[in-house]
Amino acid sequence: MTQEQWIRDAWEQGVRKVKNTSLRVGAAFPHGSNEGQFQLTSPHYWTAGFWSGILWLIYQDRQDEQLRLLAESCETQMDAVIEAYEPLDHDMGFMWTLTSIANWHLTGNEVSKCRALKIASHLAGRFNIKGSFIRAWNHPERVGWAIIDCMMNLPLLYWTSQQTGDPRFAHIAEAHAEMAAKQFIRKDGSAYHVVCFNPETGERVGALGGQGYAEESAWARGSAWSIYGSVLSYRHTGRADLLAAAEHAASFFLAHLPEDKVPYWDFRLPSSETAPRDTSAAAIAASGLLDLAEVSEGDRALFYKEQACAILQSLSQHYSADDSEEAILLSGTGNLPGNQNINKPLIYGDYYYMEALAKLQGHQTFSIAKALRA
């Protein structure tokens, strides 16, 4: 089978699965799957945008009006989160990029554009100028915390500067990205999940294991976020240090993959004999590597694309769910220290898998890369 054929077959299988799943899930907010069915969460949770994101990816390819209506209904339900204000945290980029910006990009919906601009102001308001970081979460004891995941929220700010002509939003995004390259990505290319700052002075005071095994371990999904998030900021700023950060993170991730290219949930476990895999980390990294290939040249570009394809082909061949399961990919690990969604399908794993397949087919995805470039 040619590469083009397995990519198309994997995409078609995902489309079929999503259409079938939509008959039960409808305009709701799936997260992890248990015993074959997605468990639904509230619209304020950080994963709220991924189901809509998948629906928009397929709508772009098929112009399926039923999927569009479901995605728009999800987006409207999230207005209650904006109005409530208190549930809003650092993950606003994840949530409204894949809903409101996707809608505006594909349909020209000006109400959706306004939602995204409004939420970008809230995200910018979380910036700590002393430490050059966007604050994570809302717990009083975490006022000085930042996390590697937040690199994926920055394109909302870059986009807002592009749309408004106001550079302040991009300045915040670039400052956070520069900080992350210095404070999160270690010399060997691995990444911390949580870095703690003194919120009054901005001084770095430590790091935490977060969802990884330990402070100095290497949480696989955090490594994937560092690849993708760094290359996204490079695409918006052209800064060589951010490209170097993405390449450094990619080198670590790829060098530590097991034979089938799908990582265990942490790269630095004492033993991986009984450790669960994390297909979401694999899918995120694959999509990020495709962006890294686009901004690279020659053999390096070919290498990144080949590695992304190898990861995706392994996911397709060895981790695809059958029709007894609503999700597309099996074997995700949400939060092992928190005992949440261990060895379960995850909606964000499905999203990034479908996003990567869309990129390989030449779709101009609205995802946080091509559509948001200057």
Protein backbone atom coordinates (compact mmCIF):
# COMPACT_ATOMS: atom_id res chain seq x y z
CA MET A 1 0.00 0.00 0.00
CA THR A 2 1.33 3.44 -0.89
CA GLN A 3 1.76 6.17 1.68
CA GLU A 4 -1.00 8.19 0.05
CA GLN A 5 -3.37 5.24 0.27
CA TRP A 6 -2.89 4.45 3.95
CA ILE A 7 -3.19 8.14 4.79
CA ARG A 8 -6.47 8.38 2.89
CA ASP A 9 -7.73 5.10 4.38
CA ALA A 10 -6.86 6.27 7.91
CA TRP A 11 -8.63 9.57 7.29
CA GLU A 12 -11.73 7.85 5.90
CA GLN A 13 -11.83 5.47 8.84
CA GLY A 14 -11.66 8.44 11.22
CA VAL A 15 -14.39 10.30 9.33
CA ARG A 16 -16.68 7.27 9.48
CA LYS A 17 -16.03 6.84 13.20
CA VAL A 18 -16.73 10.52 13.96
CA LYS A 19 -19.98 10.52 11.98
CA ASN A 20 -21.20 7.43 13.82
CA THR A 21 -20.14 8.82 17.19
CA SER A 22 -21.87 12.14 16.48
CA LEU A 23 -25.22 10.36 16.41
CA ARG A 24 -24.95 9.77 20.16
CA VAL A 25 -22.60 12.53 21.37
CA GLY A 26 -24.26 15.29 19.34
CA ALA A 27 -23.40 18.83 20.47
CA ALA A 28 -21.66 17.84 23.70
CA PHE A 29 -18.16 17.74 25.13
CA PRO A 30 -16.50 14.32 25.12
CA HIS A 31 -13.25 13.74 26.99
CA GLY A 32 -12.05 10.21 27.79
CA SER A 33 -13.82 7.04 26.71
CA ASN A 34 -14.88 4.25 29.04
CA GLU A 35 -16.23 0.87 27.94
CA GLY A 36 -16.64 2.05 24.38
CA GLN A 37 -18.36 5.38 24.99
CA PHE A 38 -17.03 8.89 25.43
CA GLN A 39 -17.67 10.34 28.85
CA LEU A 40 -19.08 13.85 28.56
CA THR A 41 -17.82 16.82 30.51
CA SER A 42 -18.86 20.44 30.91
CA PRO A 43 -18.06 23.23 28.41
CA HIS A 44 -15.64 24.87 30.86
CA TYR A 45 -13.16 21.99 30.81
CA TRP A 46 -9.93 22.44 28.81
CA THR A 47 -10.89 19.69 26.36
CA ALA A 48 -14.14 21.40 25.33
CA GLY A 49 -12.86 22.50 21.91
CA PHE A 50 -11.52 19.24 20.55
CA TRP A 51 -14.79 17.61 19.49
CA SER A 52 -15.77 20.76 17.61
CA GLY A 53 -12.26 20.86 16.18
CA ILE A 54 -12.67 17.39 14.70
CA LEU A 55 -16.10 18.30 13.32
CA TRP A 56 -14.65 21.38 11.61
CA LEU A 57 -11.77 19.38 10.14
CA ILE A 58 -14.24 17.01 8.53
CA TYR A 59 -16.58 19.81 7.50
CA GLN A 60 -13.74 21.44 5.60
CA ASP A 61 -13.27 18.21 3.65
CA ARG A 62 -16.92 17.20 3.20
CA GLN A 63 -19.08 20.29 3.72
CA ASP A 64 -21.27 18.15 5.98
CA GLU A 65 -23.89 20.57 7.29
CA GLN A 66 -24.98 18.33 10.15
CA LEU A 67 -21.45 18.36 11.57
CA ARG A 68 -21.28 22.14 11.14
CA LEU A 69 -24.47 22.59 13.14
CA LEU A 70 -23.16 20.42 15.95
CA ALA A 71 -19.88 22.36 16.07
CA GLU A 72 -21.69 25.69 16.14
CA SER A 73 -23.96 24.49 18.93
CA CYS A 74 -20.96 23.49 21.02
CA GLU A 75 -19.41 26.91 20.46
CA THR A 76 -22.60 28.68 21.53
CA GLN A 77 -22.80 26.62 24.72
CA MET A 78 -19.31 27.81 25.61
CA ASP A 79 -20.60 31.40 25.85
CA ALA A 80 -21.73 30.53 29.36
CA VAL A 81 -18.09 29.96 30.28
CA ILE A 82 -17.11 33.41 29.04
CA GLU A 83 -19.96 35.01 30.96
CA ALA A 84 -19.12 33.11 34.16
CA TYR A 85 -15.50 34.34 33.90
CA GLU A 86 -14.20 32.43 36.94
CA PRO A 87 -13.78 29.11 35.07
CA LEU A 88 -11.52 30.75 32.47
CA ASP A 89 -7.86 29.78 32.73
CA HIS A 90 -4.73 29.42 30.60
CA ASP A 91 -6.37 26.92 28.21
CA MET A 92 -8.57 29.47 26.46
CA GLY A 93 -6.46 29.09 23.33
CA PHE A 94 -7.15 25.37 23.10
CA MET A 95 -10.86 25.97 23.59
CA TRP A 96 -11.66 28.89 21.30
CA THR A 97 -9.08 28.38 18.55
CA LEU A 98 -10.66 25.09 17.56
CA THR A 99 -14.20 26.42 17.87
CA SER A 100 -14.53 30.14 17.19
CA ILE A 101 -11.46 30.70 15.00
CA ALA A 102 -12.26 27.52 13.10
CA ASN A 103 -15.82 28.74 12.50
CA TRP A 104 -14.67 32.19 11.39
CA HIS A 105 -11.95 30.73 9.17
CA LEU A 106 -14.30 28.33 7.40
CA THR A 107 -17.58 30.28 7.31
CA GLY A 108 -16.67 33.93 7.88
CA ASN A 109 -18.85 34.07 11.00
CA GLU A 110 -18.14 37.49 12.53
CA VAL A 111 -19.77 36.56 15.86
CA SER A 112 -17.22 33.76 16.19
CA LYS A 113 -14.40 36.15 15.39
CA CYS A 114 -15.62 38.49 18.12
CA ARG A 115 -15.71 35.61 20.62
CA ALA A 116 -12.10 34.77 19.85
CA LEU A 117 -10.97 38.39 20.18
CA LYS A 118 -12.78 38.73 23.50
CA ILE A 119 -11.26 35.55 24.89
CA ALA A 120 -7.79 36.63 23.74
CA SER A 121 -8.10 39.70 25.97
CA HIS A 122 -8.83 37.42 28.92
CA LEU A 123 -5.82 35.23 28.08
CA ALA A 124 -3.54 38.26 27.76
CA GLY A 125 -4.73 39.41 31.16
CA ARG A 126 -3.12 36.35 32.75
CA PHE A 127 0.36 37.49 31.78
CA ASN A 128 2.78 38.08 34.67
CA ILE A 129 5.09 40.82 33.46
CA LYS A 130 7.77 40.18 36.11
CA GLY A 131 8.26 36.54 35.16
CA SER A 132 7.19 36.79 31.49
CA PHE A 133 4.73 33.91 31.87
CA ILE A 134 1.03 33.27 31.43
CA ARG A 135 -0.33 32.00 34.70
CA ALA A 136 -1.67 28.42 34.78
CA TRP A 137 -4.94 27.51 36.53
CA ASN A 138 -6.78 29.57 39.13
CA HIS A 139 -5.88 28.01 42.47
CA PRO A 140 -4.61 30.65 44.92
CA GLU A 141 -1.51 28.57 45.69
CA ARG A 142 -0.67 28.36 41.97
CA VAL A 143 -0.52 32.07 41.20
CA GLY A 144 3.14 31.72 40.18
CA TRP A 145 2.80 28.51 38.15
CA ALA A 146 3.28 28.11 34.40
CA ILE A 147 3.00 24.90 32.35
CA ILE A 148 4.46 23.67 29.07
CA ASP A 149 0.96 23.03 27.67
CA CYS A 150 0.35 26.77 27.47
CA MET A 151 2.68 27.04 24.47
CA MET A 152 -0.29 25.75 22.48
CA ASN A 153 -2.48 28.66 23.59
CA LEU A 154 -0.17 31.37 22.24
CA PRO A 155 -1.38 31.34 18.60
CA LEU A 156 -4.67 32.84 19.78
CA LEU A 157 -2.66 35.90 20.84
CA TYR A 158 -0.60 36.06 17.64
CA TRP A 159 -3.83 35.82 15.62
CA THR A 160 -5.42 38.60 17.64
CA SER A 161 -2.53 40.95 16.87
CA GLN A 162 -2.88 40.08 13.19
CA GLN A 163 -6.60 40.79 13.21
CA THR A 164 -6.50 43.99 15.26
CA GLY A 165 -3.17 45.49 14.25
CA ASP A 166 -2.33 45.76 17.95
CA PRO A 167 1.08 44.18 18.68
CA ARG A 168 0.56 43.86 22.45
CA PHE A 169 -0.97 40.39 22.18
CA ALA A 170 1.92 39.08 20.08
CA HIS A 171 4.39 40.68 22.50
CA ILE A 172 2.88 38.65 25.34
CA ALA A 173 2.92 35.44 23.33
CA GLU A 174 6.52 35.95 22.23
CA ALA A 175 7.66 36.77 25.77
CA HIS A 176 6.05 33.60 27.13
CA ALA A 177 7.58 31.51 24.33
CA GLU A 178 11.05 32.94 25.01
CA MET A 179 10.63 32.20 28.71
CA ALA A 180 9.55 28.60 27.99
CA ALA A 181 12.54 27.96 25.74
CA LYS A 182 14.82 29.04 28.58
CA GLN A 183 13.01 27.69 31.63
CA PHE A 184 11.09 24.60 30.48
CA ILE A 185 13.22 22.86 27.87
CA ARG A 186 16.27 21.23 29.43
CA LYS A 187 19.71 20.89 27.86
CA ASP A 188 18.89 17.38 26.63
CA GLY A 189 15.64 18.55 24.95
CA SER A 190 13.24 17.13 27.54
CA ALA A 191 10.75 19.43 29.21
CA TYR A 192 9.40 20.23 32.65
CA HIS A 193 5.63 20.14 33.01
CA VAL A 194 5.31 22.82 35.72
CA VAL A 195 7.72 25.66 36.48
CA CYS A 196 7.09 27.82 39.54
CA PHE A 197 7.93 31.52 39.86
CA ASN A 198 7.72 34.04 42.62
CA PRO A 199 4.71 35.99 41.29
CA GLU A 200 5.92 39.24 42.87
CA THR A 201 9.50 39.23 41.60
CA GLY A 202 9.30 36.80 38.64
CA GLU A 203 12.20 34.75 40.02
CA ARG A 204 12.15 31.06 39.12
CA VAL A 205 11.77 29.13 42.37
CA GLY A 206 11.45 25.52 41.22
CA ALA A 207 9.66 22.95 39.12
CA LEU A 208 7.14 20.17 39.70
CA GLY A 209 6.50 16.77 38.16
CA GLY A 210 2.90 17.69 37.38
CA GLN A 211 1.41 14.93 35.26
CA GLY A 212 4.79 13.32 34.79
CA TYR A 213 6.49 10.71 36.96
CA ALA A 214 8.75 13.15 38.81
CA GLU A 215 10.15 16.67 38.67
CA GLU A 216 13.17 15.63 36.60
CA SER A 217 11.39 13.03 34.50
CA ALA A 218 10.09 13.60 30.99
CA TRP A 219 6.31 13.46 30.66
CA ALA A 220 5.66 12.33 27.10
CA ARG A 221 2.79 14.67 26.34
CA GLY A 222 4.79 17.58 27.74
CA SER A 223 7.57 16.71 25.31
CA ALA A 224 5.02 16.71 22.49
CA TRP A 225 3.62 20.10 23.55
CA SER A 226 7.15 21.52 23.57
CA ILE A 227 7.77 20.43 19.98
CA TYR A 228 4.50 21.70 18.57
CA GLY A 229 4.23 24.81 20.71
CA SER A 230 7.77 25.95 19.93
CA VAL A 231 7.41 25.55 16.18
CA LEU A 232 4.10 27.43 16.25
CA SER A 233 5.77 30.42 17.91
CA TYR A 234 8.63 30.18 15.43
CA ARG A 235 6.14 30.36 12.56
CA HIS A 236 4.72 33.57 13.98
CA THR A 237 7.95 35.27 15.06
CA GLY A 238 10.70 33.87 12.84
CA ARG A 239 12.97 33.70 15.89
CA ALA A 240 15.83 31.25 15.46
CA ASP A 241 15.94 30.41 19.17
CA LEU A 242 12.35 29.14 19.06
CA LEU A 243 13.08 26.99 16.02
CA ALA A 244 16.12 25.61 17.84
CA ALA A 245 13.91 24.84 20.86
CA ALA A 246 11.49 22.91 18.65
CA GLU A 247 14.32 20.97 17.01
CA HIS A 248 15.91 20.20 20.36
CA ALA A 249 12.61 18.93 21.76
CA ALA A 250 11.99 16.87 18.62
CA SER A 251 15.42 15.25 18.85
CA PHE A 252 14.74 14.16 22.43
CA PHE A 253 11.25 12.85 21.67
CA LEU A 254 12.28 10.84 18.61
CA ALA A 255 15.44 9.43 20.21
CA HIS A 256 13.46 8.01 23.14
CA LEU A 257 10.54 6.41 21.32
CA PRO A 258 10.05 2.64 21.64
CA GLU A 259 10.17 0.49 18.54
CA ASP A 260 6.54 1.10 17.55
CA LYS A 261 6.94 4.91 17.78
CA VAL A 262 4.25 5.36 20.47
CA PRO A 263 5.69 6.55 23.80
CA TYR A 264 5.01 5.34 27.28
CA TRP A 265 3.39 8.06 29.37
CA ASP A 266 6.79 9.25 30.68
CA PHE A 267 10.18 8.80 29.03
CA ARG A 268 12.07 8.46 32.33
CA LEU A 269 10.23 5.72 34.20
CA PRO A 270 12.18 3.33 36.44
CA SER A 271 10.57 0.52 34.43
CA SER A 272 8.25 0.50 31.44
CA GLU A 273 7.15 -3.14 31.82
CA THR A 274 3.66 -2.29 33.06
CA ALA A 275 3.55 1.36 32.03
CA PRO A 276 0.69 2.56 29.80
CA ARG A 277 1.34 4.20 26.45
CA ASP A 278 0.08 7.63 25.50
CA THR A 279 -1.23 7.76 21.94
CA SER A 280 -2.24 11.39 22.47
CA ALA A 281 1.42 12.34 22.93
CA ALA A 282 2.26 10.48 19.72
CA ALA A 283 -0.47 12.24 17.73
CA ILE A 284 0.44 15.70 19.07
CA ALA A 285 4.11 15.16 18.28
CA ALA A 286 3.31 13.91 14.77
CA SER A 287 1.28 17.00 13.96
CA GLY A 288 4.00 19.24 15.37
CA LEU A 289 6.68 17.41 13.39
CA LEU A 290 4.75 18.05 10.19
CA ASP A 291 4.86 21.77 10.95
CA LEU A 292 8.55 21.48 11.75
CA ALA A 293 9.09 19.78 8.38
CA GLU A 294 7.36 22.70 6.64
CA VAL A 295 9.75 25.26 8.10
CA SER A 296 12.86 23.11 7.55
CA GLU A 297 14.82 22.40 4.38
CA GLY A 298 16.36 19.48 2.57
CA ASP A 299 17.16 16.30 4.48
CA ARG A 300 15.99 17.75 7.77
CA ALA A 301 12.52 18.50 6.38
CA LEU A 302 12.32 15.01 4.88
CA PHE A 303 13.41 13.44 8.18
CA TYR A 304 10.73 15.21 10.23
CA LYS A 305 8.00 14.28 7.76
CA GLU A 306 9.15 10.66 7.62
CA GLN A 307 9.14 10.43 11.40
CA ALA A 308 5.67 11.97 11.62
CA CYS A 309 4.37 9.50 9.06
CA ALA A 310 5.96 6.58 10.88
CA ILE A 311 4.21 7.60 14.11
CA LEU A 312 0.87 8.05 12.37
CA GLN A 313 1.14 4.76 10.52
CA SER A 314 1.85 2.95 13.77
CA LEU A 315 -1.17 4.62 15.38
CA SER A 316 -3.30 3.60 12.43
CA GLN A 317 -2.10 0.01 12.32
CA HIS A 318 -1.71 -0.82 16.00
CA TYR A 319 -3.84 1.58 18.05
CA SER A 320 -7.00 2.16 16.02
CA ALA A 321 -10.24 1.27 17.77
CA ASP A 322 -12.78 -1.06 16.20
CA ASP A 323 -16.49 -0.33 15.91
CA SER A 324 -17.17 -1.32 19.53
CA GLU A 325 -15.48 1.96 20.53
CA GLU A 326 -16.63 5.53 19.77
CA ALA A 327 -13.12 6.96 19.81
CA ILE A 328 -10.58 6.65 16.99
CA LEU A 329 -7.42 5.85 18.99
CA LEU A 330 -6.92 3.52 21.92
CA SER A 331 -4.34 3.68 24.72
CA GLY A 332 -4.17 7.27 25.79
CA THR A 333 -3.02 8.32 29.24
CA GLY A 334 -4.69 11.46 30.54
CA ASN A 335 -3.27 12.06 34.02
CA LEU A 336 -1.64 9.04 35.61
CA PRO A 337 -0.65 10.70 38.93
CA GLY A 338 -4.25 11.90 39.20
CA ASN A 339 -5.60 8.46 38.26
CA GLN A 340 -7.61 9.92 35.39
CA ASN A 341 -8.17 8.23 32.02
CA ILE A 342 -5.35 5.72 32.17
CA ASN A 343 -5.04 3.51 29.09
CA LYS A 344 -8.20 5.10 27.68
CA PRO A 345 -9.07 6.82 24.41
CA LEU A 346 -8.84 10.62 24.65
CA ILE A 347 -10.64 13.21 22.53
CA TYR A 348 -7.51 15.32 22.09
CA GLY A 349 -5.56 12.29 20.87
CA ASP A 350 -8.25 11.80 18.22
CA TYR A 351 -8.14 15.50 17.29
CA TYR A 352 -4.40 15.72 16.70
CA TYR A 353 -4.40 12.42 14.83
CA MET A 354 -7.07 13.70 12.42
CA GLU A 355 -5.35 17.09 12.20
CA ALA A 356 -2.08 15.45 11.17
CA LEU A 357 -3.84 13.30 8.55
CA ALA A 358 -5.55 16.42 7.20
CA LYS A 359 -2.18 18.16 6.87
CA LEU A 360 -0.72 15.20 4.99
CA GLN A 361 -3.56 15.42 2.49
CA GLY A 362 -2.85 19.08 1.85
CA HIS A 363 -5.89 20.47 3.65
CA GLN A 364 -5.46 24.09 4.68
CA THR A 365 -6.26 23.33 8.28
CA PHE A 366 -7.57 26.09 10.53
CA SER A 367 -5.58 24.42 13.29
CA ILE A 368 -3.15 26.51 15.20
CA ALA A 369 -0.62 26.67 12.41
CA LYS A 370 -1.25 27.56 8.77
CA ALA A 371 -4.43 29.56 9.11
CA LEU A 372 -3.02 31.71 11.86
CA ARG A 373 0.21 32.77 10.20
CA ALA A 374 0.72 36.36 9.17
